[in-house]
């Protein structure tokens, strides 16, 4: 069968006076041209709905005309086509542009403008729900107890804090947002690092009583002279789960309010005492896990904030842990709380 097809092909070639060598050269050049053409475009997915073809071509033509009016410089465009969206990767002498076109609605949005004349590094998609957790938090922290919020019981007055200096810093470095109702309501979670500084009002500190196993006062004044400061520090990893509501106004302004639960894992406890010896200040630092601190704790968190039309976002927050700081019957019954200001990423 193969020999019959080959002889038939040879007859056609001879009748048309075309050599086999010429055909080989022709197909080689054609394949080379196709390869060059494909290299300038990204691979595209097949579109199931063919009714979007006209809209897609109109959007491309409109986009190209817009680019020409903005700049006379040469721009190389790469097209990535999916079932519902079209992406234009535009290389310019100054940087890179990425435009996204929704083939169902025809809406076009610039999602990246890197190194071009407007110097906008990144623009997020404002039509997608994105919660507010990642960022930096500054605030004050203290302890509440069953009798009052800021004062400790008389028998444990050594836990009174200097609230002006007792501050907390949170570095929330990971965030995940799950939309529930369009871009107005969703779940927010992530990871954070929480550093709590508790400055003792009377410049004492705490220690573990090796006999009773209970946390008691460490009288630092009996050991050191001219104490400048004494504090207790806890470092924890945090994991929140909040539900957040967002309300959008004119000019891309956004107001948000969120609340939920938060968990913490204590990874280190530190005591620091700064005192003066021979006219110079020295530091005594004690680290360890021998302070009967609850390794795991849970609480509640509330936060609200505002994002302006330039994209800057900030707000306030409050946090209260209903797991006591110390293990049951191994220390004072104290519940950590925080109130502060947040800067969103």
Protein backbone atom coordinates (compact mmCIF):
# COMPACT_ATOMS: atom_id res chain seq x y z
CA UNK A 1 0.00 0.00 0.00
CA UNK A 2 2.83 2.37 0.87
CA UNK A 3 4.56 1.73 -2.49
CA UNK A 4 1.32 2.46 -4.41
CA UNK A 5 0.90 5.78 -2.57
CA UNK A 6 4.54 6.64 -3.18
CA UNK A 7 4.27 5.91 -6.94
CA UNK A 8 1.09 7.99 -7.12
CA UNK A 9 2.81 10.88 -5.40
CA UNK A 10 5.74 10.61 -7.80
CA UNK A 11 3.36 10.84 -10.78
CA UNK A 12 1.75 13.97 -9.37
CA UNK A 13 5.14 15.54 -8.78
CA UNK A 14 6.28 14.75 -12.33
CA UNK A 15 3.02 15.95 -13.90
CA UNK A 16 3.32 19.27 -12.13
CA UNK A 17 7.03 19.41 -12.94
CA UNK A 18 7.89 19.92 -9.25
CA UNK A 19 10.87 18.12 -7.77
CA UNK A 20 10.76 16.30 -4.45
CA UNK A 21 13.71 18.35 -3.30
CA UNK A 22 11.73 21.53 -3.90
CA UNK A 23 8.83 20.25 -1.77
CA UNK A 24 11.16 19.36 1.07
CA UNK A 25 12.67 22.85 1.00
CA UNK A 26 9.21 24.40 0.84
CA UNK A 27 7.89 22.52 3.89
CA UNK A 28 11.10 23.24 5.81
CA UNK A 29 10.75 26.99 5.23
CA UNK A 30 7.04 26.83 6.11
CA UNK A 31 7.77 25.04 9.39
CA UNK A 32 10.48 27.58 10.21
CA UNK A 33 8.08 30.48 9.63
CA UNK A 34 5.46 28.83 11.84
CA UNK A 35 8.01 28.32 14.59
CA UNK A 36 8.99 31.99 14.49
CA UNK A 37 5.34 32.98 14.58
CA UNK A 38 4.54 30.73 17.55
CA UNK A 39 7.54 32.00 19.52
CA UNK A 40 6.10 35.53 19.50
CA UNK A 41 2.80 34.40 21.00
CA UNK A 42 1.95 32.40 24.12
CA UNK A 43 0.08 29.16 23.78
CA UNK A 44 -3.65 29.68 23.97
CA UNK A 45 -6.49 27.57 25.28
CA UNK A 46 -9.36 26.70 22.99
CA UNK A 47 -12.47 28.82 23.60
CA UNK A 48 -15.63 26.79 23.87
CA UNK A 49 -17.99 29.69 23.29
CA UNK A 50 -17.32 30.92 19.75
CA UNK A 51 -19.71 33.84 20.15
CA UNK A 52 -16.96 35.68 22.07
CA UNK A 53 -14.62 35.81 19.07
CA UNK A 54 -15.98 39.06 17.69
CA UNK A 55 -15.86 40.74 21.09
CA UNK A 56 -12.30 39.53 21.64
CA UNK A 57 -11.07 40.91 18.33
CA UNK A 58 -12.78 44.24 18.99
CA UNK A 59 -11.15 44.50 22.42
CA UNK A 60 -7.72 43.72 21.00
CA UNK A 61 -8.13 46.31 18.28
CA UNK A 62 -9.37 48.91 20.77
CA UNK A 63 -6.51 48.12 23.13
CA UNK A 64 -3.94 48.47 20.40
CA UNK A 65 -5.39 51.80 19.30
CA UNK A 66 -5.24 53.03 22.90
CA UNK A 67 -1.61 52.01 23.21
CA UNK A 68 -0.76 53.85 19.98
CA UNK A 69 -2.35 57.06 21.19
CA UNK A 70 -0.45 56.93 24.49
CA UNK A 71 2.97 56.31 23.07
CA UNK A 72 4.62 56.17 19.67
CA UNK A 73 7.29 53.74 20.88
CA UNK A 74 7.31 50.16 19.65
CA UNK A 75 5.56 47.62 21.87
CA UNK A 76 5.63 43.83 21.54
CA UNK A 77 2.36 42.19 22.55
CA UNK A 78 1.91 38.59 23.67
CA UNK A 79 -1.60 37.18 23.95
CA UNK A 80 -2.73 34.52 26.41
CA UNK A 81 -6.28 33.35 25.82
CA UNK A 82 -8.38 31.26 28.21
CA UNK A 83 -11.99 30.21 28.21
CA UNK A 84 -13.27 33.33 29.95
CA UNK A 85 -10.44 35.84 29.84
CA UNK A 86 -7.84 37.32 27.57
CA UNK A 87 -4.45 38.54 28.83
CA UNK A 88 -2.28 41.00 26.92
CA UNK A 89 1.42 41.03 27.89
CA UNK A 90 2.83 44.24 26.43
CA UNK A 91 6.60 44.72 26.48
CA UNK A 92 7.69 48.35 26.27
CA UNK A 93 11.12 50.00 26.33
CA UNK A 94 10.38 51.10 29.88
CA UNK A 95 8.88 47.95 31.35
CA UNK A 96 5.94 45.56 31.17
CA UNK A 97 2.16 46.00 30.98
CA UNK A 98 -0.43 43.29 31.59
CA UNK A 99 -4.06 43.91 30.64
CA UNK A 100 -6.92 41.52 31.36
CA UNK A 101 -10.10 41.41 29.26
CA UNK A 102 -13.23 39.62 30.39
CA UNK A 103 -14.65 37.96 27.27
CA UNK A 104 -18.13 37.74 28.76
CA UNK A 105 -18.57 41.41 29.66
CA UNK A 106 -15.88 43.08 27.56
CA UNK A 107 -14.42 44.84 30.61
CA UNK A 108 -10.71 45.51 30.45
CA UNK A 109 -8.46 46.07 33.47
CA UNK A 110 -4.75 46.73 33.82
CA UNK A 111 -3.42 44.36 36.49
CA UNK A 112 0.30 45.18 36.20
CA UNK A 113 2.20 48.30 35.20
CA UNK A 114 5.87 47.71 35.89
CA UNK A 115 8.52 50.33 35.19
CA UNK A 116 6.49 52.51 32.80
CA UNK A 117 5.75 56.18 32.68
CA UNK A 118 3.19 56.22 35.47
CA UNK A 119 5.54 54.25 37.78
CA UNK A 120 2.76 52.17 39.28
CA UNK A 121 4.35 48.93 40.42
CA UNK A 122 1.27 46.86 41.12
CA UNK A 123 -2.46 47.34 41.10
CA UNK A 124 -4.68 44.80 42.77
CA UNK A 125 -7.97 43.66 41.32
CA UNK A 126 -10.54 45.69 43.22
CA UNK A 127 -13.40 43.47 42.02
CA UNK A 128 -12.17 40.49 44.04
CA UNK A 129 -12.69 40.06 47.77
CA UNK A 130 -9.47 40.57 49.70
CA UNK A 131 -9.53 40.61 53.48
CA UNK A 132 -7.40 42.56 55.93
CA UNK A 133 -4.96 40.61 58.07
CA UNK A 134 -1.46 40.98 56.62
CA UNK A 135 0.31 44.06 57.92
CA UNK A 136 2.02 45.56 60.95
CA UNK A 137 0.24 46.21 64.25
CA UNK A 138 1.31 48.50 67.10
CA UNK A 139 -0.53 48.85 70.38
CA UNK A 140 -0.60 48.53 74.13
CA UNK A 141 -1.17 45.30 76.00
CA UNK A 142 -2.01 44.32 79.53
CA UNK A 143 -3.77 41.81 81.74
CA UNK A 144 -7.34 41.46 82.87
CA UNK A 145 -8.47 39.40 85.84
CA UNK A 146 -11.82 38.32 87.28
CA UNK A 147 -11.92 41.40 89.54
CA UNK A 148 -10.82 44.25 87.25
CA UNK A 149 -9.22 45.01 83.89
CA UNK A 150 -6.02 46.91 84.61
CA UNK A 151 -5.36 46.23 88.29
CA UNK A 152 -4.19 42.87 89.63
CA UNK A 153 -5.40 41.52 92.98
CA UNK A 154 -3.68 42.89 96.07
CA UNK A 155 -1.80 39.68 96.76
CA UNK A 156 -0.26 39.88 93.27
CA UNK A 157 0.40 43.59 93.02
CA UNK A 158 3.83 42.81 91.59
CA UNK A 159 2.04 42.16 88.28
CA UNK A 160 0.95 45.80 87.94
CA UNK A 161 2.23 47.17 84.64
CA UNK A 162 3.54 50.47 83.35
CA UNK A 163 0.93 50.76 80.57
CA UNK A 164 2.72 53.63 78.83
CA UNK A 165 5.62 51.33 78.04
CA UNK A 166 3.86 47.99 77.72
CA UNK A 167 3.50 47.67 73.97
CA UNK A 168 2.85 44.93 71.45
CA UNK A 169 4.02 44.45 67.86
CA UNK A 170 2.40 42.04 65.42
CA UNK A 171 3.93 41.04 62.09
CA UNK A 172 1.16 39.40 60.07
CA UNK A 173 3.05 37.90 57.15
CA UNK A 174 0.57 35.50 55.49
CA UNK A 175 -3.06 35.93 54.51
CA UNK A 176 -5.77 33.90 52.80
CA UNK A 177 -9.15 35.31 51.78
CA UNK A 178 -12.24 33.25 50.95
CA UNK A 179 -15.14 35.18 49.33
CA UNK A 180 -18.66 34.31 50.47
CA UNK A 181 -20.85 37.02 48.93
CA UNK A 182 -19.12 38.62 45.93
CA UNK A 183 -16.59 41.18 47.14
CA UNK A 184 -18.57 42.30 50.19
CA UNK A 185 -18.35 39.40 52.62
CA UNK A 186 -15.78 36.69 53.17
CA UNK A 187 -13.56 34.70 55.51
CA UNK A 188 -10.02 35.79 56.36
CA UNK A 189 -7.23 33.75 57.88
CA UNK A 190 -3.43 33.74 57.89
CA UNK A 191 -0.36 33.61 60.09
CA UNK A 192 1.30 36.20 62.30
CA UNK A 193 4.08 36.74 64.79
CA UNK A 194 3.08 38.47 68.03
CA UNK A 195 5.61 40.04 70.43
CA UNK A 196 4.16 41.22 73.77
CA UNK A 197 6.23 43.47 76.07
CA UNK A 198 5.03 43.83 79.68
CA UNK A 199 6.92 46.48 81.70
CA UNK A 200 6.52 46.02 85.44
CA UNK A 201 5.43 49.15 87.26
CA UNK A 202 7.60 48.55 90.34
CA UNK A 203 10.64 47.32 88.35
CA UNK A 204 10.35 43.85 89.81
CA UNK A 205 9.98 40.66 87.73
CA UNK A 206 8.66 37.11 88.03
CA UNK A 207 10.17 33.71 88.70
CA UNK A 208 9.18 30.11 89.38
CA UNK A 209 9.16 28.94 92.98
CA UNK A 210 11.01 25.64 92.79
CA UNK A 211 9.28 24.34 95.93
CA UNK A 212 5.63 25.17 95.26
CA UNK A 213 5.81 25.27 91.44
CA UNK A 214 3.91 28.58 91.48
CA UNK A 215 4.85 31.83 89.75
CA UNK A 216 5.91 34.45 92.29
CA UNK A 217 7.60 37.84 92.50
CA UNK A 218 11.28 38.14 91.69
CA UNK A 219 12.61 40.97 93.86
CA UNK A 220 15.19 42.36 91.48
CA UNK A 221 15.93 45.33 93.74
CA UNK A 222 17.45 42.98 96.26
CA UNK A 223 19.94 41.74 93.66
CA UNK A 224 20.65 44.84 91.58
CA UNK A 225 21.10 48.53 92.29
CA UNK A 226 19.53 51.38 90.35
CA UNK A 227 17.26 49.34 88.09
CA UNK A 228 16.23 51.29 85.01
CA UNK A 229 13.63 48.88 83.64
CA UNK A 230 12.35 45.35 84.06
CA UNK A 231 10.03 43.59 81.65
CA UNK A 232 8.55 40.28 80.64
CA UNK A 233 8.25 39.31 76.93
CA UNK A 234 6.23 36.60 75.20
CA UNK A 235 6.58 35.65 71.53
CA UNK A 236 3.79 33.71 69.83
CA UNK A 237 2.59 32.53 66.43
CA UNK A 238 -1.02 33.51 65.76
CA UNK A 239 -3.72 32.06 63.52
CA UNK A 240 -7.02 33.99 63.08
CA UNK A 241 -10.34 33.07 61.54
CA UNK A 242 -12.49 36.14 60.90
CA UNK A 243 -15.55 37.04 58.92
CA UNK A 244 -15.18 40.42 57.23
CA UNK A 245 -17.69 42.81 55.73
CA UNK A 246 -16.59 45.43 53.20
CA UNK A 247 -18.51 48.51 52.01
CA UNK A 248 -17.27 50.34 48.94
CA UNK A 249 -17.80 54.01 48.25
CA UNK A 250 -16.97 56.47 45.50
CA UNK A 251 -13.41 56.78 44.25
CA UNK A 252 -12.38 53.22 45.24
CA UNK A 253 -12.73 54.03 48.94
CA UNK A 254 -13.42 51.07 51.17
CA UNK A 255 -14.55 50.59 54.76
CA UNK A 256 -14.19 47.21 56.44
CA UNK A 257 -15.15 45.61 59.72
CA UNK A 258 -14.12 42.13 60.83
CA UNK A 259 -14.35 39.89 63.86
CA UNK A 260 -13.74 36.31 64.87
CA UNK A 261 -11.51 34.02 66.87
CA UNK A 262 -7.74 33.76 67.10
CA UNK A 263 -5.36 31.10 68.34
CA UNK A 264 -1.84 31.51 69.66
CA UNK A 265 1.18 29.26 70.17
CA UNK A 266 3.74 30.55 72.63
CA UNK A 267 7.24 29.85 71.32
CA UNK A 268 9.36 31.81 73.81
CA UNK A 269 9.23 33.71 77.10
CA UNK A 270 11.96 36.17 78.11
CA UNK A 271 12.73 38.28 81.18
CA UNK A 272 14.96 41.35 80.90
CA UNK A 273 16.37 43.55 83.65
CA UNK A 274 18.44 46.65 82.93
CA UNK A 275 20.46 47.93 85.91
CA UNK A 276 23.43 50.19 86.59
CA UNK A 277 26.85 49.00 87.70
CA UNK A 278 29.88 51.30 88.10
CA UNK A 279 28.21 54.08 86.14
CA UNK A 280 27.23 51.84 83.21
CA UNK A 281 24.02 50.02 82.41
CA UNK A 282 24.05 46.24 82.10
CA UNK A 283 21.35 43.86 80.88
CA UNK A 284 20.34 40.56 82.37
CA UNK A 285 18.38 38.36 79.98
CA UNK A 286 16.76 35.08 80.99
CA UNK A 287 15.08 32.85 78.43
CA UNK A 288 13.29 29.60 79.04
CA UNK A 289 10.04 27.71 79.28
CA UNK A 290 10.02 27.30 83.08
CA UNK A 291 7.34 29.93 83.74
CA UNK A 292 4.20 27.76 83.54
CA UNK A 293 2.87 29.68 80.50
CA UNK A 294 0.07 28.05 78.53
CA UNK A 295 1.63 26.96 75.25
CA UNK A 296 -1.68 27.18 73.36
CA UNK A 297 -4.28 29.89 73.87
CA UNK A 298 -7.45 31.10 72.21
CA UNK A 299 -9.24 34.41 72.10
CA UNK A 300 -11.35 36.80 70.12
CA UNK A 301 -10.35 39.61 67.76
CA UNK A 302 -12.12 42.64 66.32
CA UNK A 303 -10.80 45.12 63.78
CA UNK A 304 -12.05 47.89 61.53
CA UNK A 305 -10.38 50.19 59.06
CA UNK A 306 -10.48 52.31 55.96
CA UNK A 307 -8.74 52.30 52.59
CA UNK A 308 -8.47 55.54 50.64
CA UNK A 309 -8.61 55.98 46.87
CA UNK A 310 -4.80 55.77 46.64
CA UNK A 311 -4.85 52.25 48.11
CA UNK A 312 -3.43 53.07 51.56
CA UNK A 313 -5.21 51.11 54.29
CA UNK A 314 -5.12 51.45 58.07
CA UNK A 315 -7.36 50.89 61.05
CA UNK A 316 -7.71 49.89 64.69
CA UNK A 317 -8.04 46.53 66.42
CA UNK A 318 -8.73 44.89 69.77
CA UNK A 319 -7.80 41.42 70.96
CA UNK A 320 -8.70 39.48 74.11
CA UNK A 321 -7.53 36.00 75.08
CA UNK A 322 -9.95 34.00 77.20
CA UNK A 323 -7.23 31.41 77.89
CA UNK A 324 -5.25 32.56 80.96
CA UNK A 325 -1.58 33.40 80.59
CA UNK A 326 -0.45 30.76 83.10
CA UNK A 327 -1.45 27.15 83.54
CA UNK A 328 -4.25 26.39 85.99
CA UNK A 329 -3.19 26.80 89.64
CA UNK A 330 0.42 27.49 88.60
CA UNK A 331 0.24 31.27 88.40
CA UNK A 332 -2.04 34.31 88.74
CA UNK A 333 -5.31 34.15 86.81
CA UNK A 334 -4.51 36.79 84.17
CA UNK A 335 -6.00 37.18 80.69
CA UNK A 336 -3.93 39.09 78.06
CA UNK A 337 -5.56 41.82 75.98
CA UNK A 338 -4.40 44.26 73.27
CA UNK A 339 -5.66 47.49 71.73
CA UNK A 340 -3.86 49.26 68.93
CA UNK A 341 -3.41 50.60 65.42
CA UNK A 342 -2.83 48.55 62.26
CA UNK A 343 -1.20 49.31 58.91
CA UNK A 344 -2.37 46.95 56.18
CA UNK A 345 -0.23 45.55 53.38
